[in-house]
C-alpha atoms as a PDB file:
ATOM      1  CA  MET A   1       3.757  -6.818  35.896  1.00  0.00           C
ATOM      2  CA  LYS A   2       1.712  -4.039  37.480  1.00  0.00           C
ATOM      3  CA  ASN A   3       4.792  -2.353  38.937  1.00  0.00           C
ATOM      4  CA  ARG A   4       6.757  -2.646  35.689  1.00  0.00           C
ATOM      5  CA  ILE A   5       4.013  -0.936  33.667  1.00  0.00           C
ATOM      6  CA  LYS A   6       3.852   1.869  36.217  1.00  0.00           C
ATOM      7  CA  ASN A   7       7.685   2.139  36.328  1.00  0.00           C
ATOM      8  CA  LEU A   8       7.819   2.258  32.526  1.00  0.00           C
ATOM      9  CA  ARG A   9       5.195   4.988  32.367  1.00  0.00           C
ATOM     10  CA  LYS A  10       7.013   7.051  34.989  1.00  0.00           C
ATOM     11  CA  GLU A  11      10.369   6.482  33.263  1.00  0.00           C
ATOM     12  CA  LEU A  12       8.799   7.910  30.104  1.00  0.00           C
ATOM     13  CA  SER A  13       7.287  10.815  32.079  1.00  0.00           C
ATOM     14  CA  LEU A  14       3.798  10.060  30.775  1.00  0.00           C
ATOM     15  CA  THR A  15       0.436  10.321  32.456  1.00  0.00           C
ATOM     16  CA  GLN A  16      -1.840   7.299  32.313  1.00  0.00           C
ATOM     17  CA  GLN A  17      -3.861   9.085  29.625  1.00  0.00           C
ATOM     18  CA  GLU A  18      -0.792   9.891  27.499  1.00  0.00           C
ATOM     19  CA  PHE A  19       0.486   6.328  27.860  1.00  0.00           C
ATOM     20  CA  ALA A  20      -2.932   4.927  26.897  1.00  0.00           C
ATOM     21  CA  ASP A  21      -3.257   7.285  23.906  1.00  0.00           C
ATOM     22  CA  LYS A  22       0.087   6.159  22.510  1.00  0.00           C
ATOM     23  CA  ILE A  23      -0.984   2.520  22.420  1.00  0.00           C
ATOM     24  CA  GLY A  24      -4.628   3.173  21.553  1.00  0.00           C
ATOM     25  CA  ILE A  25      -6.393   1.886  24.659  1.00  0.00           C
ATOM     26  CA  SER A  26      -8.394   3.547  27.426  1.00  0.00           C
ATOM     27  CA  ARG A  27      -6.825   5.245  30.444  1.00  0.00           C
ATOM     28  CA  GLY A  28      -8.939   3.015  32.688  1.00  0.00           C
ATOM     29  CA  ASN A  29      -7.187  -0.063  31.351  1.00  0.00           C
ATOM     30  CA  ILE A  30      -3.790   1.402  32.228  1.00  0.00           C
ATOM     31  CA  GLY A  31      -5.016   2.158  35.742  1.00  0.00           C
ATOM     32  CA  ALA A  32      -6.354  -1.395  36.083  1.00  0.00           C
ATOM     33  CA  TYR A  33      -3.000  -2.831  34.938  1.00  0.00           C
ATOM     34  CA  GLU A  34      -1.055  -0.651  37.364  1.00  0.00           C
ATOM     35  CA  VAL A  35      -3.073  -1.695  40.424  1.00  0.00           C
ATOM     36  CA  GLY A  36      -3.110  -5.367  39.363  1.00  0.00           C
ATOM     37  CA  LYS A  37      -6.864  -5.547  38.788  1.00  0.00           C
ATOM     38  CA  ASN A  38      -6.327  -6.679  35.177  1.00  0.00           C
ATOM     39  CA  VAL A  39      -3.442  -8.292  33.314  1.00  0.00           C
ATOM     40  CA  PRO A  40      -2.704  -6.945  29.833  1.00  0.00           C
ATOM     41  CA  SER A  41      -3.362  -9.272  26.906  1.00  0.00           C
ATOM     42  CA  ASP A  42      -0.530 -10.446  24.670  1.00  0.00           C
ATOM     43  CA  ALA A  43      -1.683  -7.891  22.085  1.00  0.00           C
ATOM     44  CA  VAL A  44      -1.400  -5.033  24.591  1.00  0.00           C
ATOM     45  CA  ILE A  45       2.016  -6.267  25.709  1.00  0.00           C
ATOM     46  CA  SER A  46       3.136  -6.265  22.061  1.00  0.00           C
ATOM     47  CA  LEU A  47       1.807  -2.729  21.602  1.00  0.00           C
ATOM     48  CA  ILE A  48       3.672  -1.486  24.683  1.00  0.00           C
ATOM     49  CA  CYS A  49       6.913  -3.140  23.579  1.00  0.00           C
ATOM     50  CA  ARG A  50       6.674  -1.816  20.029  1.00  0.00           C
ATOM     51  CA  GLU A  51       5.579   1.715  20.903  1.00  0.00           C
ATOM     52  CA  PHE A  52       8.056   2.300  23.703  1.00  0.00           C
ATOM     53  CA  ASN A  53      10.956   0.102  22.493  1.00  0.00           C
ATOM     54  CA  VAL A  54      10.598  -2.102  25.603  1.00  0.00           C
ATOM     55  CA  ARG A  55      12.070  -5.584  25.876  1.00  0.00           C
ATOM     56  CA  GLU A  56       9.201  -8.055  26.185  1.00  0.00           C
ATOM     57  CA  GLU A  57      11.170 -10.277  28.576  1.00  0.00           C
ATOM     58  CA  TRP A  58      11.606  -7.352  30.979  1.00  0.00           C
ATOM     59  CA  LEU A  59       7.924  -6.408  30.779  1.00  0.00           C
ATOM     60  CA  ARG A  60       6.748  -9.966  31.437  1.00  0.00           C
ATOM     61  CA  THR A  61       9.352 -11.120  33.994  1.00  0.00           C
ATOM     62  CA  GLY A  62      11.411  -8.126  35.081  1.00  0.00           C
ATOM     63  CA  GLU A  63      14.616  -9.756  33.841  1.00  0.00           C
ATOM     64  CA  GLY A  64      17.194  -7.827  31.861  1.00  0.00           C
ATOM     65  CA  GLU A  65      17.129  -4.237  30.704  1.00  0.00           C
ATOM     66  CA  MET A  66      13.891  -2.246  30.413  1.00  0.00           C
ATOM     67  CA  PHE A  67      14.556  -0.928  26.903  1.00  0.00           C
ATOM     68  CA  LYS A  68      15.865  -2.496  23.740  1.00  0.00           C
ATOM     69  CA  PRO A  69      19.153  -0.959  22.622  1.00  0.00           C
ATOM     70  CA  LYS A  70      18.661   2.108  20.454  1.00  0.00           C
ATOM     71  CA  PRO A  71      19.441   1.634  16.776  1.00  0.00           C
ATOM     72  CA  SER A  72      23.007   2.550  15.995  1.00  0.00           C
ATOM     73  CA  ASP A  73      23.101   3.571  12.349  1.00  0.00           C
ATOM     74  CA  ILE A  74      21.157   6.453  10.865  1.00  0.00           C
ATOM     75  CA  LEU A  75      18.817   4.366   8.717  1.00  0.00           C
ATOM     76  CA  ASP A  76      17.908   2.163  11.675  1.00  0.00           C
ATOM     77  CA  GLN A  77      17.259   5.292  13.706  1.00  0.00           C
ATOM     78  CA  LEU A  78      14.907   6.549  10.982  1.00  0.00           C
ATOM     79  CA  ALA A  79      13.152   3.182  10.882  1.00  0.00           C
ATOM     80  CA  TYR A  80      12.732   3.290  14.648  1.00  0.00           C
ATOM     81  CA  LYS A  81      11.635   6.926  14.845  1.00  0.00           C
ATOM     82  CA  TYR A  82       9.154   6.786  11.950  1.00  0.00           C
ATOM     83  CA  LYS A  83       8.097   3.144  12.409  1.00  0.00           C
ATOM     84  CA  LEU A  84       9.085   2.287   8.841  1.00  0.00           C
ATOM     85  CA  PHE A  85       7.887  -0.859   7.155  1.00  0.00           C
ATOM     86  CA  ASN A  86      10.422  -3.092   5.397  1.00  0.00           C
ATOM     87  CA  PHE A  87       9.291  -1.606   2.061  1.00  0.00           C
ATOM     88  CA  ASP A  88      10.050   1.931   3.265  1.00  0.00           C
ATOM     89  CA  TYR A  89      13.418   0.906   4.681  1.00  0.00           C
ATOM     90  CA  VAL A  90      14.540  -0.855   1.489  1.00  0.00           C
ATOM     91  CA  MET A  91      13.302   2.001  -0.747  1.00  0.00           C
ATOM     92  CA  ILE A  92      15.303   4.562   1.257  1.00  0.00           C
ATOM     93  CA  GLU A  93      18.351   2.305   1.471  1.00  0.00           C
ATOM     94  CA  LYS A  94      18.380   1.595  -2.291  1.00  0.00           C
ATOM     95  CA  PHE A  95      17.769   5.244  -3.167  1.00  0.00           C
ATOM     96  CA  LEU A  96      20.668   6.380  -1.004  1.00  0.00           C
ATOM     97  CA  ALA A  97      22.923   3.691  -2.490  1.00  0.00           C
ATOM     98  CA  MET A  98      22.368   5.057  -6.023  1.00  0.00           C
ATOM     99  CA  PRO A  99      25.056   7.170  -7.627  1.00  0.00           C
ATOM    100  CA  PRO A 100      24.282  10.889  -7.139  1.00  0.00           C
ATOM    101  CA  ASP A 101      23.727  11.447 -10.881  1.00  0.00           C
ATOM    102  CA  LEU A 102      21.072   8.728 -10.976  1.00  0.00           C
ATOM    103  CA  ARG A 103      19.346  10.185  -7.890  1.00  0.00           C
ATOM    104  CA  ARG A 104      19.408  13.552  -9.664  1.00  0.00           C
ATOM    105  CA  ALA A 105      17.881  11.993 -12.795  1.00  0.00           C
ATOM    106  CA  ILE A 106      15.022  10.613 -10.693  1.00  0.00           C
ATOM    107  CA  TYR A 107      14.489  14.000  -9.078  1.00  0.00           C
ATOM    108  CA  ASP A 108      14.511  15.694 -12.505  1.00  0.00           C
ATOM    109  CA  HIS A 109      12.001  13.161 -13.824  1.00  0.00           C
ATOM    110  CA  PHE A 110       9.562  13.838 -10.980  1.00  0.00           C
ATOM    111  CA  HIS A 111      10.113  17.568 -11.408  1.00  0.00           C
ATOM    112  CA  ASP A 112       9.149  17.215 -15.094  1.00  0.00           C
ATOM    113  CA  VAL A 113       6.059  15.201 -14.171  1.00  0.00           C
ATOM    114  CA  ASP A 114       5.067  17.845 -11.623  1.00  0.00           C
ATOM    115  CA  ALA A 115       5.552  20.632 -14.161  1.00  0.00           C
ATOM    116  CA  ALA A 116       3.440  18.812 -16.752  1.00  0.00           C
ATOM    117  CA  LEU A 117       0.656  18.133 -14.251  1.00  0.00           C
ATOM    118  CA  ALA A 118       0.637  21.775 -13.162  1.00  0.00           C
ATOM    119  CA  GLU A 119      -0.733  22.642 -16.608  1.00  0.00           C
ATOM    120  CA  MET A 120      -3.714  20.281 -16.377  1.00  0.00           C
ATOM    121  CA  ASP A 121      -6.173  18.626 -14.077  1.00  0.00           C
ATOM    122  CA  PRO A 122      -4.321  15.464 -12.989  1.00  0.00           C
ATOM    123  CA  TYR A 123      -7.622  13.693 -12.264  1.00  0.00           C
ATOM    124  CA  ALA A 124      -9.316  14.418 -15.591  1.00  0.00           C
ATOM    125  CA  PRO A 125      -9.653  11.546 -18.081  1.00  0.00           C
ATOM    126  CA  ALA A 126      -6.509  11.234 -20.186  1.00  0.00           C
ATOM    127  CA  TYR A 127      -8.540  10.616 -23.350  1.00  0.00           C
ATOM    128  CA  ALA A 128     -11.617  12.753 -23.906  1.00  0.00           C
ATOM    129  CA  GLY A 129     -12.439  11.713 -27.502  1.00  0.00           C
ATOM    130  CA  THR A 130     -15.383   9.541 -28.499  1.00  0.00           C
ATOM    131  CA  GLU A 131     -13.592   7.293 -31.002  1.00  0.00           C
ATOM    132  CA  LEU A 132     -12.112   5.076 -28.287  1.00  0.00           C
ATOM    133  CA  GLN A 133     -15.438   4.813 -26.459  1.00  0.00           C
ATOM    134  CA  GLN A 134     -17.231   3.875 -29.700  1.00  0.00           C
ATOM    135  CA  SER A 135     -14.624   1.193 -30.372  1.00  0.00           C
ATOM    136  CA  THR A 136     -14.938  -0.117 -26.800  1.00  0.00           C
ATOM    137  CA  ASP A 137     -18.742  -0.151 -27.109  1.00  0.00           C
ATOM    138  CA  LYS A 138     -18.496  -2.031 -30.391  1.00  0.00           C
ATOM    139  CA  ILE A 139     -16.196  -4.648 -28.848  1.00  0.00           C
ATOM    140  CA  ALA A 140     -18.592  -5.075 -25.913  1.00  0.00           C
ATOM    141  CA  LYS A 141     -21.538  -5.518 -28.347  1.00  0.00           C
ATOM    142  CA  THR A 142     -19.575  -8.058 -30.388  1.00  0.00           C
ATOM    143  CA  GLU A 143     -18.597  -9.985 -27.249  1.00  0.00           C
ATOM    144  CA  LYS A 144     -22.264 -10.067 -26.186  1.00  0.00           C
ATOM    145  CA  SER A 145     -23.412 -11.304 -29.610  1.00  0.00           C
ATOM    146  CA  LEU A 146     -20.754 -14.060 -29.592  1.00  0.00           C
ATOM    147  CA  GLU A 147     -21.855 -15.541 -26.273  1.00  0.00           C
ATOM    148  CA  GLY A 148     -22.680 -19.221 -26.758  1.00  0.00           C
ATOM    149  CA  ARG A 149     -22.109 -19.065 -30.547  1.00  0.00           C
ATOM    150  CA  THR A 150     -19.757 -21.066 -32.675  1.00  0.00           C
ATOM    151  CA  ILE A 151     -18.253 -19.237 -35.643  1.00  0.00           C
ATOM    152  CA  ALA A 152     -16.431 -21.253 -38.279  1.00  0.00           C
ATOM    153  CA  GLY A 153     -16.058 -24.057 -35.731  1.00  0.00           C
ATOM    154  CA  ILE A 154     -14.620 -21.707 -33.077  1.00  0.00           C
ATOM    155  CA  ASN A 155     -16.369 -21.186 -29.743  1.00  0.00           C
ATOM    156  CA  PRO A 156     -15.352 -17.688 -28.557  1.00  0.00           C
ATOM    157  CA  SER A 157     -16.362 -18.456 -24.971  1.00  0.00           C
ATOM    158  CA  ASN A 158     -13.460 -20.941 -24.788  1.00  0.00           C
ATOM    159  CA  MET A 159     -10.901 -18.285 -25.797  1.00  0.00           C
ATOM    160  CA  SER A 160      -8.577 -16.392 -23.486  1.00  0.00           C
ATOM    161  CA  ASP A 161      -9.169 -12.642 -23.208  1.00  0.00           C
ATOM    162  CA  GLU A 162      -6.190 -12.015 -25.490  1.00  0.00           C
ATOM    163  CA  GLU A 163      -7.428 -14.498 -28.126  1.00  0.00           C
ATOM    164  CA  LEU A 164     -10.958 -13.129 -27.925  1.00  0.00           C
ATOM    165  CA  GLY A 165      -9.720  -9.557 -28.318  1.00  0.00           C
ATOM    166  CA  LYS A 166      -7.689 -10.520 -31.385  1.00  0.00           C
ATOM    167  CA  PHE A 167     -10.640 -12.431 -32.831  1.00  0.00           C
ATOM    168  CA  ILE A 168     -13.030  -9.515 -32.295  1.00  0.00           C
ATOM    169  CA  ARG A 169     -10.570  -7.041 -33.839  1.00  0.00           C
ATOM    170  CA  GLN A 170     -10.254  -9.305 -36.899  1.00  0.00           C
ATOM    171  CA  GLU A 171     -14.032  -9.567 -37.164  1.00  0.00           C
ATOM    172  CA  MET A 172     -14.365  -5.782 -36.909  1.00  0.00           C
ATOM    173  CA  GLU A 173     -11.696  -5.239 -39.571  1.00  0.00           C
ATOM    174  CA  LEU A 174     -13.457  -7.713 -41.875  1.00  0.00           C
ATOM    175  CA  GLU A 175     -16.796  -6.000 -41.248  1.00  0.00           C
ATOM    176  CA  GLU A 176     -15.192  -2.617 -42.076  1.00  0.00           C
ATOM    177  CA  LYS A 177     -13.709  -3.959 -45.338  1.00  0.00           C
ATOM    178  CA  VAL A 178     -17.080  -5.392 -46.382  1.00  0.00           C
ATOM    179  CA  ARG A 179     -18.806  -2.096 -45.560  1.00  0.00           C
ATOM    180  CA  GLU A 180     -16.194  -0.151 -47.596  1.00  0.00           C
ATOM    181  CA  LYS A 181     -16.755  -2.424 -50.642  1.00  0.00           C
ATOM    182  CA  PHE A 182     -20.510  -1.966 -50.526  1.00  0.00           C
ATOM    183  CA  GLU A 183     -20.234   1.798 -50.052  1.00  0.00           C
ATOM    184  CA  ALA A 184     -17.850   2.185 -52.995  1.00  0.00           C
END
């Protein structure tokens, strides 16, 4: 394998340092592989094959062609060049398969979003009022006071979040109605 790694590096016109940098290991390791002092691990072999489009069989045994065939269609070439994940590949493929008017609608939508965000701080809270916070605080207080209690035969701790939320809102509405009657 030592000669194949050296031949590959020379074929790519890379120094040991450049070769090592591309696969994220030290130059010393490349030197040790090339003189046969060390044998690369399976992980390093995978890195070499993936980074340089090398056939693993050739790297391990010397059989067959050095490189995998280059991708033939444009999208495969992009996937190869930019090391796309399946998600990226499918997103690009589906976007390009859309009718041009739908692609334009998506572009226009993002343009509108960009224009709207240009007029504000995109990282500022969307709601700056106190009413929502007071309501949230009140719900949290009510939840705390209901812990371990049974109300009209109902144990709130056995409720789902949705059921508990509905129950608390009903209790708050009832409390508000009672307060309004007494204040009138």
